[in-house]
Amino acid sequence: MSKIFKALSDETRREILKLLREKDLTAGEISENFNMSKPSISKHLDVLKEAGLISYEKKGQFIIYSLNTSVLQEVLGRFLDFFN
């Protein structure tokens, strides 16, 4: 759970999750939305993958990233439990 909160603590990673909420994207498509290097975006994607917040699938020469909604639902559920 701490990996998830660490991943969510960064604004860039939250923005990446917002982009993936709309549709699946390649790393190149994600990087087009930020003013930073592709290696920096890759590091953010690695943190999100390690936390289980995104998944990926290799299609030819591209890797397509997707939002892992089941993990986000679990986190939200646990977070809301604090208020019950």
Foldseek 3Di string as FASTA:
>chain_A
DVLVVVLVVDPLSVVLLVVQVVHKDWLVVSCVVDDDDSVVSVVSVVSCVVLVQWDWDDDPPTIIIHGPVVSVVVVVVVVVVVVD
